[in-house]
PDB file of N, CA and C in Angstrom:
ATOM      1  N   MET A   1      12.152  -2.026   5.624  1.00  0.00           N
ATOM      2  CA  MET A   1      11.311  -1.543   5.063  1.00  0.00           C
ATOM      3  C   MET A   1      10.007  -1.957   6.142  1.00  0.00           C
ATOM      4  N   ILE A   2       8.831  -1.152   6.238  1.00  0.00           N
ATOM      5  CA  ILE A   2       7.849  -1.089   6.789  1.00  0.00           C
ATOM      6  C   ILE A   2       6.749  -0.950   6.445  1.00  0.00           C
ATOM      7  N   SER A   3       5.663  -1.990   6.205  1.00  0.00           N
ATOM      8  CA  SER A   3       4.802  -1.814   5.134  1.00  0.00           C
ATOM      9  C   SER A   3       3.460  -1.624   5.694  1.00  0.00           C
ATOM     10  N   ALA A   4       2.715  -1.204   4.782  1.00  0.00           N
ATOM     11  CA  ALA A   4       1.100  -0.963   5.213  1.00  0.00           C
ATOM     12  C   ALA A   4       0.071  -1.104   4.139  1.00  0.00           C
ATOM     13  N   ILE A   5      -0.721  -1.466   4.325  1.00  0.00           N
ATOM     14  CA  ILE A   5      -1.974  -1.578   3.487  1.00  0.00           C
ATOM     15  C   ILE A   5      -3.077  -0.697   3.711  1.00  0.00           C
ATOM     16  N   VAL A   6      -3.332   0.219   2.762  1.00  0.00           N
ATOM     17  CA  VAL A   6      -4.471   0.960   2.576  1.00  0.00           C
ATOM     18  C   VAL A   6      -5.543   1.038   1.989  1.00  0.00           C
ATOM     19  N   LEU A   7      -6.983   0.697   2.569  1.00  0.00           N
ATOM     20  CA  LEU A   7      -8.002   0.760   2.041  1.00  0.00           C
ATOM     21  C   LEU A   7      -8.779   1.884   1.662  1.00  0.00           C
ATOM     22  N   ILE A   8      -8.792   1.605   0.211  1.00  0.00           N
ATOM     23  CA  ILE A   8      -9.713   3.671   0.118  1.00  0.00           C
ATOM     24  C   ILE A   8     -10.611   3.108  -0.682  1.00  0.00           C
ATOM     25  N   LYS A   9     -11.778   4.176  -0.437  1.00  0.00           N
ATOM     26  CA  LYS A   9     -12.927   4.470  -0.585  1.00  0.00           C
ATOM     27  C   LYS A   9     -13.055   5.601  -1.666  1.00  0.00           C
ATOM     28  N   ALA A  10     -13.404   5.738  -3.018  1.00  0.00           N
ATOM     29  CA  ALA A  10     -13.273   6.897  -3.767  1.00  0.00           C
ATOM     30  C   ALA A  10     -14.025   7.227  -4.368  1.00  0.00           C
ATOM     31  N   ASP A  11     -14.290   8.131  -4.741  1.00  0.00           N
ATOM     32  CA  ASP A  11     -15.794   8.796  -5.963  1.00  0.00           C
ATOM     33  C   ASP A  11     -15.553   8.074  -7.274  1.00  0.00           C
ATOM     34  N   VAL A  12     -16.650   7.276  -7.355  1.00  0.00           N
ATOM     35  CA  VAL A  12     -16.699   6.149  -8.116  1.00  0.00           C
ATOM     36  C   VAL A  12     -16.286   6.768  -9.977  1.00  0.00           C
ATOM     37  N   ALA A  13     -16.453   8.411  -9.941  1.00  0.00           N
ATOM     38  CA  ALA A  13     -16.284   8.740 -11.016  1.00  0.00           C
ATOM     39  C   ALA A  13     -14.710   9.247 -11.391  1.00  0.00           C
ATOM     40  N   ARG A  14     -13.953   9.240 -10.056  1.00  0.00           N
ATOM     41  CA  ARG A  14     -12.880   9.030 -10.204  1.00  0.00           C
ATOM     42  C   ARG A  14     -11.528   8.248  -9.909  1.00  0.00           C
ATOM     43  N   ILE A  15     -12.320   7.080  -9.608  1.00  0.00           N
ATOM     44  CA  ILE A  15     -11.449   5.885  -9.261  1.00  0.00           C
ATOM     45  C   ILE A  15     -10.052   5.625 -10.115  1.00  0.00           C
ATOM     46  N   PRO A  16     -10.310   5.851 -11.707  1.00  0.00           N
ATOM     47  CA  PRO A  16      -8.812   5.785 -12.327  1.00  0.00           C
ATOM     48  C   PRO A  16      -7.697   7.038 -12.401  1.00  0.00           C
ATOM     49  N   GLU A  17      -8.598   7.992 -11.755  1.00  0.00           N
ATOM     50  CA  GLU A  17      -7.479   9.254 -11.692  1.00  0.00           C
ATOM     51  C   GLU A  17      -6.851   9.051 -10.295  1.00  0.00           C
ATOM     52  N   ALA A  18      -7.656   8.846  -9.508  1.00  0.00           N
ATOM     53  CA  ALA A  18      -7.232   8.734  -8.220  1.00  0.00           C
ATOM     54  C   ALA A  18      -5.946   7.345  -8.057  1.00  0.00           C
ATOM     55  N   ALA A  19      -6.260   6.314  -8.572  1.00  0.00           N
ATOM     56  CA  ALA A  19      -5.889   5.646  -8.629  1.00  0.00           C
ATOM     57  C   ALA A  19      -4.092   5.858  -9.047  1.00  0.00           C
ATOM     58  N   GLN A  20      -3.959   6.210 -10.466  1.00  0.00           N
ATOM     59  CA  GLN A  20      -2.895   6.550 -10.799  1.00  0.00           C
ATOM     60  C   GLN A  20      -1.998   8.050 -10.101  1.00  0.00           C
ATOM     61  N   ALA A  21      -2.879   9.023  -9.385  1.00  0.00           N
ATOM     62  CA  ALA A  21      -2.134  10.086  -8.974  1.00  0.00           C
ATOM     63  C   ALA A  21      -1.697   9.137  -7.316  1.00  0.00           C
ATOM     64  N   ILE A  22      -1.878   8.370  -6.484  1.00  0.00           N
ATOM     65  CA  ILE A  22      -1.757   7.477  -5.353  1.00  0.00           C
ATOM     66  C   ILE A  22      -0.337   6.905  -6.295  1.00  0.00           C
ATOM     67  N   ALA A  23      -0.752   6.081  -6.876  1.00  0.00           N
ATOM     68  CA  ALA A  23       0.581   5.257  -7.342  1.00  0.00           C
ATOM     69  C   ALA A  23       2.023   6.265  -7.869  1.00  0.00           C
ATOM     70  N   GLU A  24       1.542   7.284  -7.816  1.00  0.00           N
ATOM     71  CA  GLU A  24       2.580   8.444  -8.249  1.00  0.00           C
ATOM     72  C   GLU A  24       3.538   8.893  -6.786  1.00  0.00           C
ATOM     73  N   ILE A  25       2.760   8.631  -5.854  1.00  0.00           N
ATOM     74  CA  ILE A  25       3.590   9.084  -4.597  1.00  0.00           C
ATOM     75  C   ILE A  25       4.370   8.172  -4.199  1.00  0.00           C
ATOM     76  N   GLU A  26       5.880   8.922  -3.932  1.00  0.00           N
ATOM     77  CA  GLU A  26       6.836   8.270  -3.206  1.00  0.00           C
ATOM     78  C   GLU A  26       6.517   7.227  -2.045  1.00  0.00           C
ATOM     79  N   GLY A  27       6.774   6.219  -1.994  1.00  0.00           N
ATOM     80  CA  GLY A  27       6.153   5.450  -0.732  1.00  0.00           C
ATOM     81  C   GLY A  27       5.222   4.284  -1.132  1.00  0.00           C
ATOM     82  N   ILE A  28       4.274   4.692  -2.228  1.00  0.00           N
ATOM     83  CA  ILE A  28       3.608   3.701  -2.696  1.00  0.00           C
ATOM     84  C   ILE A  28       3.926   2.909  -3.823  1.00  0.00           C
ATOM     85  N   SER A  29       4.003   1.697  -3.372  1.00  0.00           N
ATOM     86  CA  SER A  29       4.564   0.389  -4.516  1.00  0.00           C
ATOM     87  C   SER A  29       3.901  -0.231  -5.031  1.00  0.00           C
ATOM     88  N   GLU A  30       2.281  -0.239  -4.852  1.00  0.00           N
ATOM     89  CA  GLU A  30       1.152  -0.737  -5.524  1.00  0.00           C
ATOM     90  C   GLU A  30      -0.003  -0.102  -5.475  1.00  0.00           C
ATOM     91  N   VAL A  31      -0.837  -0.036  -6.425  1.00  0.00           N
ATOM     92  CA  VAL A  31      -2.104   0.557  -6.075  1.00  0.00           C
ATOM     93  C   VAL A  31      -3.247  -0.785  -6.834  1.00  0.00           C
ATOM     94  N   TYR A  32      -3.729  -1.072  -6.287  1.00  0.00           N
ATOM     95  CA  TYR A  32      -4.981  -2.138  -7.045  1.00  0.00           C
ATOM     96  C   TYR A  32      -6.355  -1.785  -6.768  1.00  0.00           C
ATOM     97  N   SER A  33      -7.222  -1.658  -8.090  1.00  0.00           N
ATOM     98  CA  SER A  33      -8.880  -1.485  -8.008  1.00  0.00           C
ATOM     99  C   SER A  33      -9.304  -2.924  -7.747  1.00  0.00           C
ATOM    100  N   VAL A  34     -10.315  -2.674  -6.865  1.00  0.00           N
ATOM    101  CA  VAL A  34     -10.741  -3.784  -5.979  1.00  0.00           C
ATOM    102  C   VAL A  34     -12.475  -3.997  -6.276  1.00  0.00           C
ATOM    103  N   THR A  35     -12.935  -5.126  -6.034  1.00  0.00           N
ATOM    104  CA  THR A  35     -14.309  -5.479  -5.810  1.00  0.00           C
ATOM    105  C   THR A  35     -14.322  -5.373  -4.114  1.00  0.00           C
ATOM    106  N   GLY A  36     -15.581  -5.390  -3.740  1.00  0.00           N
ATOM    107  CA  GLY A  36     -15.785  -5.280  -2.134  1.00  0.00           C
ATOM    108  C   GLY A  36     -16.294  -3.882  -1.754  1.00  0.00           C
ATOM    109  N   ASN A  37     -15.814  -3.434  -0.679  1.00  0.00           N
ATOM    110  CA  ASN A  37     -16.220  -2.406   0.445  1.00  0.00           C
ATOM    111  C   ASN A  37     -15.394  -1.204   0.333  1.00  0.00           C
ATOM    112  N   VAL A  38     -14.416  -1.363  -0.628  1.00  0.00           N
ATOM    113  CA  VAL A  38     -13.492  -0.402  -0.999  1.00  0.00           C
ATOM    114  C   VAL A  38     -13.263  -0.306  -2.548  1.00  0.00           C
ATOM    115  N   ASP A  39     -12.831   0.740  -2.986  1.00  0.00           N
ATOM    116  CA  ASP A  39     -12.273   0.602  -4.521  1.00  0.00           C
ATOM    117  C   ASP A  39     -10.873   0.733  -4.941  1.00  0.00           C
ATOM    118  N   LEU A  40      -9.973   1.055  -3.690  1.00  0.00           N
ATOM    119  CA  LEU A  40      -8.571   0.726  -4.297  1.00  0.00           C
ATOM    120  C   LEU A  40      -7.948   0.216  -2.989  1.00  0.00           C
ATOM    121  N   ILE A  41      -6.689  -0.495  -3.147  1.00  0.00           N
ATOM    122  CA  ILE A  41      -5.783  -0.857  -2.316  1.00  0.00           C
ATOM    123  C   ILE A  41      -4.648  -0.545  -2.255  1.00  0.00           C
ATOM    124  N   ALA A  42      -3.914   0.058  -1.589  1.00  0.00           N
ATOM    125  CA  ALA A  42      -2.535   0.649  -1.992  1.00  0.00           C
ATOM    126  C   ALA A  42      -1.593   0.220  -1.154  1.00  0.00           C
ATOM    127  N   VAL A  43      -0.426  -0.181  -1.409  1.00  0.00           N
ATOM    128  CA  VAL A  43       0.689  -0.559  -0.474  1.00  0.00           C
ATOM    129  C   VAL A  43       1.698   0.035  -0.095  1.00  0.00           C
ATOM    130  N   ALA A  44       1.809   0.913   1.211  1.00  0.00           N
ATOM    131  CA  ALA A  44       2.854   2.044   1.141  1.00  0.00           C
ATOM    132  C   ALA A  44       3.898   1.097   1.920  1.00  0.00           C
ATOM    133  N   ARG A  45       5.411   1.553   1.547  1.00  0.00           N
ATOM    134  CA  ARG A  45       6.662   0.869   1.954  1.00  0.00           C
ATOM    135  C   ARG A  45       7.498   1.967   2.527  1.00  0.00           C
ATOM    136  N   VAL A  46       7.342   2.381   3.575  1.00  0.00           N
ATOM    137  CA  VAL A  46       8.402   3.518   4.338  1.00  0.00           C
ATOM    138  C   VAL A  46       9.698   2.793   5.225  1.00  0.00           C
ATOM    139  N   SER A  47      10.715   3.805   5.609  1.00  0.00           N
ATOM    140  CA  SER A  47      11.680   3.307   6.140  1.00  0.00           C
ATOM    141  C   SER A  47      11.480   3.055   7.741  1.00  0.00           C
ATOM    142  N   LYS A  48      10.603   4.378   8.173  1.00  0.00           N
ATOM    143  CA  LYS A  48      10.143   4.731   9.395  1.00  0.00           C
ATOM    144  C   LYS A  48       9.095   5.025   9.566  1.00  0.00           C
ATOM    145  N   HIS A  49       8.211   4.452  10.714  1.00  0.00           N
ATOM    146  CA  HIS A  49       6.847   4.579  11.034  1.00  0.00           C
ATOM    147  C   HIS A  49       6.176   6.000  10.941  1.00  0.00           C
ATOM    148  N   GLU A  50       7.203   7.169  10.851  1.00  0.00           N
ATOM    149  CA  GLU A  50       6.758   8.668  10.956  1.00  0.00           C
ATOM    150  C   GLU A  50       6.340   8.955   9.329  1.00  0.00           C
ATOM    151  N   ASP A  51       7.261   8.203   8.508  1.00  0.00           N
ATOM    152  CA  ASP A  51       7.103   8.550   7.302  1.00  0.00           C
ATOM    153  C   ASP A  51       5.403   7.813   6.774  1.00  0.00           C
ATOM    154  N   PHE A  52       4.843   7.463   7.281  1.00  0.00           N
ATOM    155  CA  PHE A  52       3.632   7.238   7.179  1.00  0.00           C
ATOM    156  C   PHE A  52       2.810   8.441   7.136  1.00  0.00           C
ATOM    157  N   ALA A  53       2.830   9.093   7.991  1.00  0.00           N
ATOM    158  CA  ALA A  53       2.072  10.538   7.890  1.00  0.00           C
ATOM    159  C   ALA A  53       2.468  11.122   6.563  1.00  0.00           C
ATOM    160  N   ASP A  54       3.675  11.352   6.320  1.00  0.00           N
ATOM    161  CA  ASP A  54       3.630  11.904   5.112  1.00  0.00           C
ATOM    162  C   ASP A  54       2.936  11.296   3.843  1.00  0.00           C
ATOM    163  N   VAL A  55       3.292  10.202   3.882  1.00  0.00           N
ATOM    164  CA  VAL A  55       2.763   9.521   2.715  1.00  0.00           C
ATOM    165  C   VAL A  55       1.232   9.115   2.654  1.00  0.00           C
ATOM    166  N   ILE A  56       0.636   8.948   3.665  1.00  0.00           N
ATOM    167  CA  ILE A  56      -0.752   8.704   3.772  1.00  0.00           C
ATOM    168  C   ILE A  56      -1.951   9.658   4.302  1.00  0.00           C
ATOM    169  N   ALA A  57      -1.390  10.412   5.512  1.00  0.00           N
ATOM    170  CA  ALA A  57      -2.034  11.349   6.009  1.00  0.00           C
ATOM    171  C   ALA A  57      -1.902  12.891   5.259  1.00  0.00           C
ATOM    172  N   ASP A  58      -0.421  12.962   4.488  1.00  0.00           N
ATOM    173  CA  ASP A  58      -0.240  14.406   4.251  1.00  0.00           C
ATOM    174  C   ASP A  58      -0.731  14.204   2.596  1.00  0.00           C
ATOM    175  N   ARG A  59      -0.189  13.226   1.686  1.00  0.00           N
ATOM    176  CA  ARG A  59      -0.709  13.046   0.416  1.00  0.00           C
ATOM    177  C   ARG A  59      -1.674  12.419  -0.108  1.00  0.00           C
ATOM    178  N   LEU A  60      -1.804  10.900   0.465  1.00  0.00           N
ATOM    179  CA  LEU A  60      -2.525  10.131  -0.157  1.00  0.00           C
ATOM    180  C   LEU A  60      -4.130  10.413  -0.080  1.00  0.00           C
ATOM    181  N   ASN A  61      -4.412  11.005   1.638  1.00  0.00           N
ATOM    182  CA  ASN A  61      -5.877  11.475   1.601  1.00  0.00           C
ATOM    183  C   ASN A  61      -6.182  12.559   0.997  1.00  0.00           C
ATOM    184  N   LYS A  62      -5.118  13.485   0.573  1.00  0.00           N
ATOM    185  CA  LYS A  62      -5.704  14.760  -0.119  1.00  0.00           C
ATOM    186  C   LYS A  62      -5.648  14.766  -1.607  1.00  0.00           C
ATOM    187  N   ILE A  63      -5.681  13.428  -2.262  1.00  0.00           N
ATOM    188  CA  ILE A  63      -5.746  13.209  -3.627  1.00  0.00           C
ATOM    189  C   ILE A  63      -7.220  13.519  -3.957  1.00  0.00           C
ATOM    190  N   GLU A  64      -7.571  14.118  -5.449  1.00  0.00           N
ATOM    191  CA  GLU A  64      -8.891  14.299  -5.680  1.00  0.00           C
ATOM    192  C   GLU A  64      -9.564  13.095  -5.911  1.00  0.00           C
ATOM    193  N   GLY A  65     -10.903  12.543  -4.947  1.00  0.00           N
ATOM    194  CA  GLY A  65     -11.469  11.701  -5.458  1.00  0.00           C
ATOM    195  C   GLY A  65     -11.384  10.588  -4.369  1.00  0.00           C
ATOM    196  N   VAL A  66     -10.294  10.677  -3.615  1.00  0.00           N
ATOM    197  CA  VAL A  66     -10.488  10.057  -2.387  1.00  0.00           C
ATOM    198  C   VAL A  66     -11.365  10.375  -0.880  1.00  0.00           C
ATOM    199  N   GLN A  67     -12.007   9.392  -0.727  1.00  0.00           N
ATOM    200  CA  GLN A  67     -12.968  10.055   0.062  1.00  0.00           C
ATOM    201  C   GLN A  67     -13.086   9.203   1.702  1.00  0.00           C
ATOM    202  N   GLU A  68     -12.240   8.096   1.911  1.00  0.00           N
ATOM    203  CA  GLU A  68     -11.912   7.542   3.151  1.00  0.00           C
ATOM    204  C   GLU A  68     -10.817   6.525   2.966  1.00  0.00           C
ATOM    205  N   THR A  69     -10.119   6.533   3.987  1.00  0.00           N
ATOM    206  CA  THR A  69      -8.890   5.285   4.031  1.00  0.00           C
ATOM    207  C   THR A  69      -8.918   4.702   5.447  1.00  0.00           C
ATOM    208  N   GLU A  70      -8.339   3.372   5.388  1.00  0.00           N
ATOM    209  CA  GLU A  70      -8.229   3.011   6.235  1.00  0.00           C
ATOM    210  C   GLU A  70      -6.748   2.107   6.282  1.00  0.00           C
ATOM    211  N   THR A  71      -6.142   2.287   7.598  1.00  0.00           N
ATOM    212  CA  THR A  71      -4.756   2.007   7.097  1.00  0.00           C
ATOM    213  C   THR A  71      -4.542   0.531   8.400  1.00  0.00           C
ATOM    214  N   HIS A  72      -3.812  -0.391   7.521  1.00  0.00           N
ATOM    215  CA  HIS A  72      -3.409  -1.384   8.281  1.00  0.00           C
ATOM    216  C   HIS A  72      -1.495  -1.591   8.347  1.00  0.00           C
ATOM    217  N   ILE A  73      -0.860  -1.279   9.351  1.00  0.00           N
ATOM    218  CA  ILE A  73       0.440  -1.675   9.465  1.00  0.00           C
ATOM    219  C   ILE A  73       0.910  -2.844   9.239  1.00  0.00           C
ATOM    220  N   ALA A  74       1.433  -3.303   8.874  1.00  0.00           N
ATOM    221  CA  ALA A  74       2.071  -4.892   8.835  1.00  0.00           C
ATOM    222  C   ALA A  74       3.021  -4.986  10.018  1.00  0.00           C
ATOM    223  N   PHE A  75       2.780  -6.190  10.863  1.00  0.00           N
ATOM    224  CA  PHE A  75       3.665  -6.514  11.956  1.00  0.00           C
ATOM    225  C   PHE A  75       4.770  -7.325  11.198  1.00  0.00           C
ATOM    226  N   ARG A  76       4.567  -8.111   9.869  1.00  0.00           N
ATOM    227  CA  ARG A  76       5.659  -9.293   9.661  1.00  0.00           C
ATOM    228  C   ARG A  76       4.649  -9.546   7.836  1.00  0.00           C
ATOM    229  N   THR A  77       5.764  -9.785   6.984  1.00  0.00           N
ATOM    230  CA  THR A  77       5.574 -10.051   5.562  1.00  0.00           C
ATOM    231  C   THR A  77       6.066 -11.495   5.792  1.00  0.00           C
ATOM    232  N   TYR A  78       5.064 -12.335   5.576  1.00  0.00           N
ATOM    233  CA  TYR A  78       5.280 -13.689   4.856  1.00  0.00           C
ATOM    234  C   TYR A  78       4.889 -13.865   3.124  1.00  0.00           C
ATOM    235  N   SER A  79       5.908 -14.336   2.340  1.00  0.00           N
ATOM    236  CA  SER A  79       5.846 -15.019   1.035  1.00  0.00           C
ATOM    237  C   SER A  79       6.293 -16.366   0.875  1.00  0.00           C
ATOM    238  N   SER A  80       5.650 -16.820  -0.429  1.00  0.00           N
ATOM    239  CA  SER A  80       6.668 -18.217  -0.570  1.00  0.00           C
ATOM    240  C   SER A  80       7.736 -17.648  -1.238  1.00  0.00           C
ATOM    241  N   GLN A  81       8.246 -16.865  -1.557  1.00  0.00           N
ATOM    242  CA  GLN A  81       9.863 -16.572  -1.648  1.00  0.00           C
ATOM    243  C   GLN A  81      10.632 -16.364  -0.490  1.00  0.00           C
ATOM    244  N   ASP A  82       9.858 -15.973   0.473  1.00  0.00           N
ATOM    245  CA  ASP A  82      10.616 -15.342   1.763  1.00  0.00           C
ATOM    246  C   ASP A  82      10.983 -16.924   2.089  1.00  0.00           C
ATOM    247  N   LEU A  83       9.855 -17.837   2.420  1.00  0.00           N
ATOM    248  CA  LEU A  83      10.154 -19.288   3.212  1.00  0.00           C
ATOM    249  C   LEU A  83      10.783 -20.069   2.076  1.00  0.00           C
ATOM    250  N   ALA A  84      10.858 -19.709   0.981  1.00  0.00           N
ATOM    251  CA  ALA A  84      11.911 -20.975   0.306  1.00  0.00           C
ATOM    252  C   ALA A  84      13.111 -20.235   0.436  1.00  0.00           C
ATOM    253  N   ALA A  85      13.748 -19.179   0.665  1.00  0.00           N
ATOM    254  CA  ALA A  85      15.182 -18.760   0.747  1.00  0.00           C
ATOM    255  C   ALA A  85      15.373 -18.943   1.914  1.00  0.00           C
ATOM    256  N   ALA A  86      14.429 -19.034   3.026  1.00  0.00           N
ATOM    257  CA  ALA A  86      14.769 -19.262   4.709  1.00  0.00           C
ATOM    258  C   ALA A  86      15.113 -20.782   4.894  1.00  0.00           C
ATOM    259  N   PHE A  87      14.282 -21.730   4.267  1.00  0.00           N
ATOM    260  CA  PHE A  87      14.730 -22.902   4.258  1.00  0.00           C
ATOM    261  C   PHE A  87      15.841 -23.434   3.223  1.00  0.00           C
ATOM    262  N   SER A  88      16.506 -22.746   2.150  1.00  0.00           N
ATOM    263  CA  SER A  88      17.646 -23.116   1.517  1.00  0.00           C
ATOM    264  C   SER A  88      19.013 -22.593   2.168  1.00  0.00           C
ATOM    265  N   ILE A  89      18.935 -22.142   3.428  1.00  0.00           N
ATOM    266  CA  ILE A  89      20.021 -21.228   3.882  1.00  0.00           C
ATOM    267  C   ILE A  89      21.044 -22.580   4.430  1.00  0.00           C
ATOM    268  N   GLY A  90      22.074 -22.174   3.643  1.00  0.00           N
ATOM    269  CA  GLY A  90      23.153 -23.054   3.956  1.00  0.00           C
ATOM    270  C   GLY A  90      23.392 -24.700   3.017  1.00  0.00           C
ATOM    271  N   LEU A  91      22.174 -24.568   2.037  1.00  0.00           N
ATOM    272  CA  LEU A  91      22.326 -25.545   1.197  1.00  0.00           C
ATOM    273  C   LEU A  91      22.931 -25.350  -0.102  1.00  0.00           C
ATOM    274  N   ASP A  92      23.717 -26.295  -0.667  1.00  0.00           N
ATOM    275  CA  ASP A  92      24.389 -25.817  -1.620  1.00  0.00           C
ATOM    276  C   ASP A  92      23.423 -26.528  -3.135  1.00  0.00           C
ATOM    277  N   GLU A  93      23.609 -25.490  -4.101  1.00  0.00           N
ATOM    278  CA  GLU A  93      22.616 -25.814  -5.161  1.00  0.00           C
ATOM    279  C   GLU A  93      23.593 -26.577  -6.247  1.00  0.00           C
TER     280      GLU A  93
END
């Protein structure tokens, strides 16, 4: 899977509705309401780069209340679970 983090500026009066509509898009795994320069952060996960066009450009950007997006495509994913699994390869429990 290829992941992207999408920073979203939304109409303040429509944040909950926009977040719910974004969360219902196939290919969006999570949506967070956040503080700071953006209102929402969505995590998109697709099997090929071309799918981002459908998920983000064709669907997410057209949700009522979404004003602006900035997408960051991930090169690699690091997590504590991934690291623990990698270091335990070959060890018997």
